[in-house]
C-alpha atoms as a PDB file:
ATOM      1  CA  MET A   1      -0.162  -0.049   0.115  1.00  0.00           C
ATOM      2  CA  PHE A   2       2.615   2.365   0.842  1.00  0.00           C
ATOM      3  CA  SER A   3       5.048   1.901  -2.504  1.00  0.00           C
ATOM      4  CA  TYR A   4       1.255   3.121  -4.213  1.00  0.00           C
ATOM      5  CA  LEU A   5       1.195   5.981  -2.629  1.00  0.00           C
ATOM      6  CA  ILE A   6       5.140   6.742  -2.906  1.00  0.00           C
ATOM      7  CA  GLN A   7       3.912   5.996  -6.626  1.00  0.00           C
ATOM      8  CA  THR A   8       1.268   7.910  -6.934  1.00  0.00           C
ATOM      9  CA  ILE A   9       3.402  10.721  -5.603  1.00  0.00           C
ATOM     10  CA  ILE A  10       6.257  10.306  -7.583  1.00  0.00           C
ATOM     11  CA  PHE A  11       3.409  10.797 -10.945  1.00  0.00           C
ATOM     12  CA  ILE A  12       1.838  13.804  -9.319  1.00  0.00           C
ATOM     13  CA  PHE A  13       5.323  15.372  -8.940  1.00  0.00           C
ATOM     14  CA  GLY A  14       5.991  14.180 -12.663  1.00  0.00           C
ATOM     15  CA  MET A  15       2.612  15.735 -13.749  1.00  0.00           C
ATOM     16  CA  CYS A  16       3.939  18.923 -11.928  1.00  0.00           C
ATOM     17  CA  ILE A  17       7.050  19.468 -14.028  1.00  0.00           C
ATOM     18  CA  GLY A  18       5.296  18.813 -17.386  1.00  0.00           C
ATOM     19  CA  SER A  19       3.149  21.733 -16.345  1.00  0.00           C
ATOM     20  CA  PHE A  20       6.689  23.840 -16.115  1.00  0.00           C
ATOM     21  CA  VAL A  21       7.237  21.563 -19.357  1.00  0.00           C
ATOM     22  CA  ASN A  22       4.156  23.338 -21.124  1.00  0.00           C
ATOM     23  CA  VAL A  23       5.944  26.771 -20.054  1.00  0.00           C
ATOM     24  CA  CYS A  24       9.235  26.258 -21.488  1.00  0.00           C
ATOM     25  CA  ILE A  25       7.597  24.586 -25.150  1.00  0.00           C
ATOM     26  CA  TYR A  26       5.115  28.318 -25.473  1.00  0.00           C
ATOM     27  CA  ARG A  27       7.707  30.729 -24.248  1.00  0.00           C
ATOM     28  CA  LEU A  28      10.927  29.453 -25.127  1.00  0.00           C
ATOM     29  CA  PRO A  29      10.782  29.752 -29.306  1.00  0.00           C
ATOM     30  CA  ALA A  30       9.582  33.577 -28.093  1.00  0.00           C
ATOM     31  CA  SER A  31      12.285  34.121 -26.090  1.00  0.00           C
ATOM     32  CA  ARG A  32      10.047  34.509 -23.529  1.00  0.00           C
ATOM     33  CA  SER A  33      10.634  34.929 -19.837  1.00  0.00           C
ATOM     34  CA  LEU A  34      10.358  31.484 -17.918  1.00  0.00           C
ATOM     35  CA  ILE A  35       9.408  33.110 -14.418  1.00  0.00           C
ATOM     36  CA  ASP A  36       7.478  37.079 -15.374  1.00  0.00           C
ATOM     37  CA  PRO A  37       5.031  36.194 -15.477  1.00  0.00           C
ATOM     38  CA  LEU A  38       5.500  33.088 -13.190  1.00  0.00           C
ATOM     39  CA  ARG A  39       2.228  31.982 -13.302  1.00  0.00           C
ATOM     40  CA  SER A  40       0.938  30.631 -16.462  1.00  0.00           C
ATOM     41  CA  ILE A  41      -1.064  32.760 -18.815  1.00  0.00           C
ATOM     42  CA  CYS A  42      -4.163  31.457 -21.301  1.00  0.00           C
ATOM     43  CA  PRO A  43      -2.296  31.309 -24.863  1.00  0.00           C
ATOM     44  CA  ASN A  44      -5.656  32.707 -26.368  1.00  0.00           C
ATOM     45  CA  CYS A  45      -6.460  35.650 -24.326  1.00  0.00           C
ATOM     46  CA  GLY A  46      -3.183  36.057 -22.285  1.00  0.00           C
ATOM     47  CA  SER A  47      -5.375  35.961 -19.179  1.00  0.00           C
ATOM     48  CA  ILE A  48      -3.756  34.819 -16.200  1.00  0.00           C
ATOM     49  CA  ILE A  49      -4.624  31.431 -15.087  1.00  0.00           C
ATOM     50  CA  ARG A  50      -5.542  31.182 -12.111  1.00  0.00           C
ATOM     51  CA  PHE A  51      -4.088  28.152  -9.345  1.00  0.00           C
ATOM     52  CA  TYR A  52      -6.571  26.546  -8.814  1.00  0.00           C
ATOM     53  CA  ASP A  53      -7.083  26.500 -12.467  1.00  0.00           C
ATOM     54  CA  ASN A  54      -3.832  25.153 -13.293  1.00  0.00           C
ATOM     55  CA  ILE A  55      -3.823  21.658 -11.633  1.00  0.00           C
ATOM     56  CA  PRO A  56      -2.098  19.528 -14.007  1.00  0.00           C
ATOM     57  CA  VAL A  57      -4.866  17.323 -16.465  1.00  0.00           C
ATOM     58  CA  LEU A  58      -8.011  18.226 -13.259  1.00  0.00           C
ATOM     59  CA  SER A  59      -8.284  21.518 -14.126  1.00  0.00           C
ATOM     60  CA  TYR A  60      -8.392  21.141 -17.490  1.00  0.00           C
ATOM     61  CA  LEU A  61     -11.011  18.069 -17.065  1.00  0.00           C
ATOM     62  CA  LEU A  62     -12.738  20.356 -15.308  1.00  0.00           C
ATOM     63  CA  LEU A  63     -12.544  23.547 -17.240  1.00  0.00           C
ATOM     64  CA  LYS A  64     -13.579  20.851 -20.496  1.00  0.00           C
ATOM     65  CA  GLY A  65     -10.616  22.111 -22.146  1.00  0.00           C
ATOM     66  CA  ARG A  66     -11.609  25.447 -22.502  1.00  0.00           C
ATOM     67  CA  CYS A  67     -10.591  28.977 -20.674  1.00  0.00           C
ATOM     68  CA  ARG A  68     -12.161  30.224 -17.611  1.00  0.00           C
ATOM     69  CA  HIS A  69     -11.988  33.860 -19.352  1.00  0.00           C
ATOM     70  CA  CYS A  70     -12.265  33.690 -23.131  1.00  0.00           C
ATOM     71  CA  ASN A  71     -14.155  30.248 -23.808  1.00  0.00           C
ATOM     72  CA  LYS A  72     -11.875  29.553 -26.094  1.00  0.00           C
ATOM     73  CA  SER A  73     -10.548  26.192 -26.624  1.00  0.00           C
ATOM     74  CA  ILE A  74      -6.894  24.717 -25.026  1.00  0.00           C
ATOM     75  CA  SER A  75      -5.080  22.417 -27.064  1.00  0.00           C
ATOM     76  CA  PHE A  76      -4.841  18.997 -25.578  1.00  0.00           C
ATOM     77  CA  ARG A  77      -1.545  19.014 -25.710  1.00  0.00           C
ATOM     78  CA  TYR A  78      -0.560  20.993 -22.576  1.00  0.00           C
ATOM     79  CA  PRO A  79      -2.660  17.974 -19.920  1.00  0.00           C
ATOM     80  CA  LEU A  80      -0.940  15.368 -22.855  1.00  0.00           C
ATOM     81  CA  VAL A  81       2.885  16.527 -22.211  1.00  0.00           C
ATOM     82  CA  GLU A  82       1.744  16.436 -18.250  1.00  0.00           C
ATOM     83  CA  ILE A  83       0.714  12.572 -18.357  1.00  0.00           C
ATOM     84  CA  MET A  84       3.389  11.784 -20.709  1.00  0.00           C
ATOM     85  CA  SER A  85       5.931  13.630 -17.962  1.00  0.00           C
ATOM     86  CA  GLY A  86       4.038  11.803 -15.083  1.00  0.00           C
ATOM     87  CA  ALA A  87       4.304   8.713 -16.433  1.00  0.00           C
ATOM     88  CA  PHE A  88       8.253   9.155 -17.363  1.00  0.00           C
ATOM     89  CA  ALA A  89       8.810  10.250 -13.753  1.00  0.00           C
ATOM     90  CA  LEU A  90       7.611   7.210 -12.506  1.00  0.00           C
ATOM     91  CA  CYS A  91       8.909   4.695 -15.189  1.00  0.00           C
ATOM     92  CA  THR A  92      12.523   5.808 -14.455  1.00  0.00           C
ATOM     93  CA  PHE A  93      11.750   5.620 -10.344  1.00  0.00           C
ATOM     94  CA  LEU A  94      10.300   1.975 -10.892  1.00  0.00           C
ATOM     95  CA  LYS A  95      13.495   1.240 -13.269  1.00  0.00           C
ATOM     96  CA  PHE A  96      16.269   3.230 -11.469  1.00  0.00           C
ATOM     97  CA  GLY A  97      14.624   2.874  -7.724  1.00  0.00           C
ATOM     98  CA  PRO A  98      15.115   6.181  -5.479  1.00  0.00           C
ATOM     99  CA  THR A  99      18.366   7.361  -6.656  1.00  0.00           C
ATOM    100  CA  LEU A 100      20.490  10.392  -7.498  1.00  0.00           C
ATOM    101  CA  GLU A 101      20.502   8.150 -11.558  1.00  0.00           C
ATOM    102  CA  ALA A 102      16.594   8.457 -11.816  1.00  0.00           C
ATOM    103  CA  LEU A 103      16.715  11.659 -11.320  1.00  0.00           C
ATOM    104  CA  ILE A 104      19.141  12.801 -13.874  1.00  0.00           C
ATOM    105  CA  TYR A 105      17.791  10.773 -16.143  1.00  0.00           C
ATOM    106  CA  PHE A 106      14.469  11.683 -15.567  1.00  0.00           C
ATOM    107  CA  ALA A 107      15.927  15.290 -15.963  1.00  0.00           C
ATOM    108  CA  PHE A 108      17.740  14.641 -19.213  1.00  0.00           C
ATOM    109  CA  ILE A 109      14.090  12.939 -20.702  1.00  0.00           C
ATOM    110  CA  THR A 110      12.467  16.352 -19.667  1.00  0.00           C
ATOM    111  CA  ALA A 111      14.606  18.151 -21.988  1.00  0.00           C
ATOM    112  CA  LEU A 112      14.354  16.102 -24.865  1.00  0.00           C
ATOM    113  CA  LEU A 113      10.075  15.962 -24.001  1.00  0.00           C
ATOM    114  CA  THR A 114      10.734  19.996 -24.171  1.00  0.00           C
ATOM    115  CA  ILE A 115      13.504  19.484 -28.036  1.00  0.00           C
ATOM    116  CA  THR A 116      10.449  17.294 -28.980  1.00  0.00           C
ATOM    117  CA  PHE A 117       7.523  19.506 -29.027  1.00  0.00           C
ATOM    118  CA  ILE A 118       9.408  23.408 -29.448  1.00  0.00           C
ATOM    119  CA  ASP A 119      11.475  20.741 -32.657  1.00  0.00           C
ATOM    120  CA  ILE A 120       7.641  20.007 -34.252  1.00  0.00           C
ATOM    121  CA  ASP A 121       5.963  23.331 -33.751  1.00  0.00           C
ATOM    122  CA  HIS A 122       9.087  25.177 -35.252  1.00  0.00           C
ATOM    123  CA  LYS A 123      11.667  23.223 -36.768  1.00  0.00           C
ATOM    124  CA  ILE A 124      14.326  24.271 -33.792  1.00  0.00           C
ATOM    125  CA  ILE A 125      15.914  22.910 -31.355  1.00  0.00           C
ATOM    126  CA  PRO A 126      16.810  25.418 -28.379  1.00  0.00           C
ATOM    127  CA  ASP A 127      19.797  26.269 -27.591  1.00  0.00           C
ATOM    128  CA  ILE A 128      19.650  27.353 -24.073  1.00  0.00           C
ATOM    129  CA  ILE A 129      18.341  24.047 -23.219  1.00  0.00           C
ATOM    130  CA  THR A 130      21.498  22.249 -25.965  1.00  0.00           C
ATOM    131  CA  ILE A 131      24.223  24.240 -24.822  1.00  0.00           C
ATOM    132  CA  PRO A 132      24.464  23.870 -21.068  1.00  0.00           C
ATOM    133  CA  GLY A 133      22.924  20.627 -21.778  1.00  0.00           C
ATOM    134  CA  ILE A 134      26.077  19.470 -22.883  1.00  0.00           C
ATOM    135  CA  PRO A 135      28.559  20.256 -19.911  1.00  0.00           C
ATOM    136  CA  ALA A 136      25.738  19.675 -17.649  1.00  0.00           C
ATOM    137  CA  GLY A 137      25.361  15.875 -18.838  1.00  0.00           C
ATOM    138  CA  PHE A 138      29.117  15.265 -18.938  1.00  0.00           C
ATOM    139  CA  LEU A 139      29.161  16.129 -15.218  1.00  0.00           C
ATOM    140  CA  ALA A 140      26.354  14.104 -14.680  1.00  0.00           C
ATOM    141  CA  SER A 141      28.220  10.933 -15.863  1.00  0.00           C
ATOM    142  CA  PHE A 142      30.278  10.787 -12.715  1.00  0.00           C
ATOM    143  CA  ALA A 143      26.396   9.885 -11.068  1.00  0.00           C
ATOM    144  CA  ILE A 144      25.716   6.982 -13.974  1.00  0.00           C
ATOM    145  CA  PRO A 145      27.207   3.895 -12.699  1.00  0.00           C
ATOM    146  CA  SER A 146      26.605   3.017 -16.311  1.00  0.00           C
ATOM    147  CA  ILE A 147      28.528   5.317 -17.877  1.00  0.00           C
ATOM    148  CA  THR A 148      31.841   6.515 -16.772  1.00  0.00           C
ATOM    149  CA  TYR A 149      33.206   9.999 -17.998  1.00  0.00           C
ATOM    150  CA  GLN A 150      35.348   8.714 -20.363  1.00  0.00           C
ATOM    151  CA  GLY A 151      32.358   6.929 -21.698  1.00  0.00           C
ATOM    152  CA  SER A 152      30.586  10.762 -22.116  1.00  0.00           C
ATOM    153  CA  LEU A 153      33.511  12.122 -23.704  1.00  0.00           C
ATOM    154  CA  LEU A 154      33.154   9.352 -25.859  1.00  0.00           C
ATOM    155  CA  GLY A 155      30.170   9.636 -26.681  1.00  0.00           C
ATOM    156  CA  LEU A 156      29.596  14.076 -26.967  1.00  0.00           C
ATOM    157  CA  LEU A 157      32.318  13.233 -29.881  1.00  0.00           C
ATOM    158  CA  ALA A 158      30.570  10.057 -31.239  1.00  0.00           C
ATOM    159  CA  GLY A 159      27.205  12.321 -31.696  1.00  0.00           C
ATOM    160  CA  GLY A 160      27.740  15.822 -32.381  1.00  0.00           C
ATOM    161  CA  GLY A 161      30.963  14.481 -34.682  1.00  0.00           C
ATOM    162  CA  SER A 162      28.616  11.242 -36.267  1.00  0.00           C
ATOM    163  CA  LEU A 163      25.937  14.435 -37.209  1.00  0.00           C
ATOM    164  CA  LEU A 164      28.326  16.962 -38.806  1.00  0.00           C
ATOM    165  CA  LEU A 165      29.964  13.983 -40.906  1.00  0.00           C
ATOM    166  CA  VAL A 166      26.531  13.149 -42.237  1.00  0.00           C
ATOM    167  CA  GLY A 167      24.964  17.405 -42.780  1.00  0.00           C
ATOM    168  CA  TRP A 168      29.277  17.475 -44.220  1.00  0.00           C
ATOM    169  CA  VAL A 169      28.709  14.604 -46.793  1.00  0.00           C
ATOM    170  CA  TYR A 170      24.930  15.771 -47.785  1.00  0.00           C
ATOM    171  CA  TYR A 171      26.427  19.329 -48.401  1.00  0.00           C
ATOM    172  CA  LEU A 172      28.874  17.759 -50.694  1.00  0.00           C
ATOM    173  CA  ILE A 173      26.869  15.694 -52.416  1.00  0.00           C
ATOM    174  CA  LYS A 174      23.830  17.990 -53.021  1.00  0.00           C
ATOM    175  CA  LYS A 175      25.349  21.524 -51.994  1.00  0.00           C
ATOM    176  CA  ALA A 176      22.529  22.472 -49.124  1.00  0.00           C
ATOM    177  CA  GLU A 177      22.107  21.706 -45.777  1.00  0.00           C
ATOM    178  CA  GLY A 178      21.319  18.139 -45.229  1.00  0.00           C
ATOM    179  CA  MET A 179      21.645  18.863 -41.053  1.00  0.00           C
ATOM    180  CA  GLY A 180      20.585  21.889 -38.968  1.00  0.00           C
ATOM    181  CA  GLY A 181      23.512  22.323 -35.775  1.00  0.00           C
ATOM    182  CA  GLY A 182      20.795  22.093 -33.724  1.00  0.00           C
ATOM    183  CA  ASP A 183      20.719  18.809 -33.920  1.00  0.00           C
ATOM    184  CA  ILE A 184      24.152  17.825 -33.910  1.00  0.00           C
ATOM    185  CA  LYS A 185      24.169  19.865 -30.793  1.00  0.00           C
ATOM    186  CA  LEU A 186      21.221  17.617 -29.406  1.00  0.00           C
ATOM    187  CA  MET A 187      23.074  14.326 -30.229  1.00  0.00           C
ATOM    188  CA  ALA A 188      26.602  15.624 -28.435  1.00  0.00           C
ATOM    189  CA  MET A 189      24.785  16.253 -25.036  1.00  0.00           C
ATOM    190  CA  ILE A 190      22.479  12.779 -25.942  1.00  0.00           C
ATOM    191  CA  GLY A 191      25.897  11.379 -26.036  1.00  0.00           C
ATOM    192  CA  THR A 192      26.767  12.725 -23.205  1.00  0.00           C
ATOM    193  CA  ILE A 193      24.342  10.855 -21.029  1.00  0.00           C
ATOM    194  CA  ILE A 194      24.203   7.524 -22.671  1.00  0.00           C
ATOM    195  CA  GLY A 195      28.014   7.214 -24.376  1.00  0.00           C
ATOM    196  CA  TRP A 196      28.426   5.765 -27.688  1.00  0.00           C
ATOM    197  CA  LYS A 197      27.281   2.726 -27.305  1.00  0.00           C
ATOM    198  CA  GLY A 198      23.428   4.446 -26.452  1.00  0.00           C
ATOM    199  CA  ILE A 199      24.775   7.261 -29.652  1.00  0.00           C
ATOM    200  CA  LEU A 200      24.823   3.779 -31.894  1.00  0.00           C
ATOM    201  CA  PHE A 201      21.794   2.731 -30.695  1.00  0.00           C
ATOM    202  CA  THR A 202      20.501   6.227 -31.453  1.00  0.00           C
ATOM    203  CA  ILE A 203      21.496   6.365 -34.795  1.00  0.00           C
ATOM    204  CA  PHE A 204      20.084   3.179 -36.095  1.00  0.00           C
ATOM    205  CA  PHE A 205      17.024   3.346 -33.995  1.00  0.00           C
ATOM    206  CA  SER A 206      15.625   7.407 -35.527  1.00  0.00           C
ATOM    207  CA  SER A 207      16.771   6.605 -38.608  1.00  0.00           C
ATOM    208  CA  LEU A 208      14.471   3.803 -38.773  1.00  0.00           C
ATOM    209  CA  ILE A 209      11.977   5.579 -37.008  1.00  0.00           C
ATOM    210  CA  GLY A 210      12.992   8.943 -39.662  1.00  0.00           C
ATOM    211  CA  THR A 211      12.633   6.545 -42.719  1.00  0.00           C
ATOM    212  CA  LEU A 212       8.796   4.827 -41.784  1.00  0.00           C
ATOM    213  CA  VAL A 213       7.580   8.881 -40.715  1.00  0.00           C
ATOM    214  CA  GLY A 214       9.334  10.071 -44.391  1.00  0.00           C
ATOM    215  CA  ILE A 215       7.803   6.991 -46.074  1.00  0.00           C
ATOM    216  CA  THR A 216       4.020   7.140 -44.672  1.00  0.00           C
ATOM    217  CA  ILE A 217       4.075  11.334 -45.440  1.00  0.00           C
ATOM    218  CA  MET A 218       5.485  11.013 -48.712  1.00  0.00           C
ATOM    219  CA  LEU A 219       2.136   8.327 -49.403  1.00  0.00           C
ATOM    220  CA  ARG A 220      -0.045  10.387 -47.855  1.00  0.00           C
ATOM    221  CA  THR A 221       0.580  14.118 -49.003  1.00  0.00           C
ATOM    222  CA  LYS A 222       1.154  15.474 -52.435  1.00  0.00           C
ATOM    223  CA  ASN A 223       4.327  17.149 -51.696  1.00  0.00           C
ATOM    224  CA  GLY A 224       5.494  14.433 -49.309  1.00  0.00           C
ATOM    225  CA  MET A 225       9.078  14.514 -50.710  1.00  0.00           C
ATOM    226  CA  LYS A 226       9.314  18.636 -50.445  1.00  0.00           C
ATOM    227  CA  ALA A 227       7.536  17.900 -46.739  1.00  0.00           C
ATOM    228  CA  ALA A 228      10.514  18.964 -43.837  1.00  0.00           C
ATOM    229  CA  VAL A 229      10.825  16.554 -41.215  1.00  0.00           C
ATOM    230  CA  PRO A 230      12.439  18.152 -37.566  1.00  0.00           C
ATOM    231  CA  PHE A 231      14.845  15.309 -36.674  1.00  0.00           C
ATOM    232  CA  GLY A 232      14.882  16.334 -33.166  1.00  0.00           C
ATOM    233  CA  PRO A 233      12.031  13.987 -31.838  1.00  0.00           C
ATOM    234  CA  PHE A 234      13.070  10.733 -33.473  1.00  0.00           C
ATOM    235  CA  LEU A 235      16.646  11.700 -31.783  1.00  0.00           C
ATOM    236  CA  SER A 236      14.847  12.048 -28.452  1.00  0.00           C
ATOM    237  CA  ILE A 237      12.316   9.334 -28.772  1.00  0.00           C
ATOM    238  CA  SER A 238      15.561   6.909 -29.949  1.00  0.00           C
ATOM    239  CA  ALA A 239      17.545   8.267 -26.783  1.00  0.00           C
ATOM    240  CA  VAL A 240      14.656   7.863 -24.184  1.00  0.00           C
ATOM    241  CA  ALA A 241      14.485   4.220 -25.710  1.00  0.00           C
ATOM    242  CA  TYR A 242      17.757   3.503 -25.566  1.00  0.00           C
ATOM    243  CA  ILE A 243      17.500   4.251 -21.218  1.00  0.00           C
ATOM    244  CA  PHE A 244      14.760   1.818 -20.820  1.00  0.00           C
ATOM    245  CA  PHE A 245      14.928  -1.054 -22.660  1.00  0.00           C
ATOM    246  CA  GLY A 246      18.573  -0.238 -25.227  1.00  0.00           C
ATOM    247  CA  PRO A 247      21.274  -2.489 -23.374  1.00  0.00           C
ATOM    248  CA  GLY A 248      18.658  -5.517 -23.123  1.00  0.00           C
ATOM    249  CA  LEU A 249      17.926  -4.923 -27.646  1.00  0.00           C
ATOM    250  CA  ILE A 250      21.455  -5.197 -28.025  1.00  0.00           C
ATOM    251  CA  SER A 251      21.791  -7.839 -25.653  1.00  0.00           C
ATOM    252  CA  TRP A 252      19.474  -9.793 -27.305  1.00  0.00           C
ATOM    253  CA  TYR A 253      20.770  -8.795 -30.944  1.00  0.00           C
ATOM    254  CA  LEU A 254      23.977  -9.778 -30.533  1.00  0.00           C
ATOM    255  CA  ASN A 255      22.195 -13.276 -29.433  1.00  0.00           C
ATOM    256  CA  LEU A 256      20.493 -13.532 -32.567  1.00  0.00           C
ATOM    257  CA  LEU A 257      24.243 -13.276 -34.416  1.00  0.00           C
ATOM    258  CA  ILE A 258      25.914 -15.991 -32.487  1.00  0.00           C
END
């Protein structure tokens, strides 16, 4: 009974963090302060949202997805992000226990969640997350048992270097930018947390997902070949997949080859 109570508290804590993630997703691309105004505002009318209307998920349900002031619809993505954040908080706790490692991974996943939705909306990956995230990830490697600081450095070089090489080769062939600088910095940040083995997994898995999504878009839209698909979400999804399933999947694959 006590363990279920702890898990519930962690899930609620994660949803509260998800509420802040929504603020970051909305304000960072517009270069707006994350603390001024301190309270959330309606994305439609700009009214300050009262504290009792800002309870994760519950307020959205009670207000039927509408602003109390202007009565305009509020995107379902707001509670979705909160639920996802809560789920990730719980999953990291269940996998890694009440440890500093779990907290580091949750913070990392939260950053990736923010990056994912910003990249989907604006086709950008904010430097304000990735650039500080690189040294922060390296320092965090000292508290993660599964990676050494050498592995973190190799991950940084492998992550940033691999996409830099891909972008350079693409430019030589097509004479156009094929890999944004944001993706390169994102991969460098990812590498500091999951190391070079995680980078190899992330490159393979993100390429697979990206190919499948690209083919689907091509088949469903007339201008699918020209549609710009942000790659940041695929990198983020793959990095999270590695944290929870990567080593097991790699061992399973290697056993098939033996």
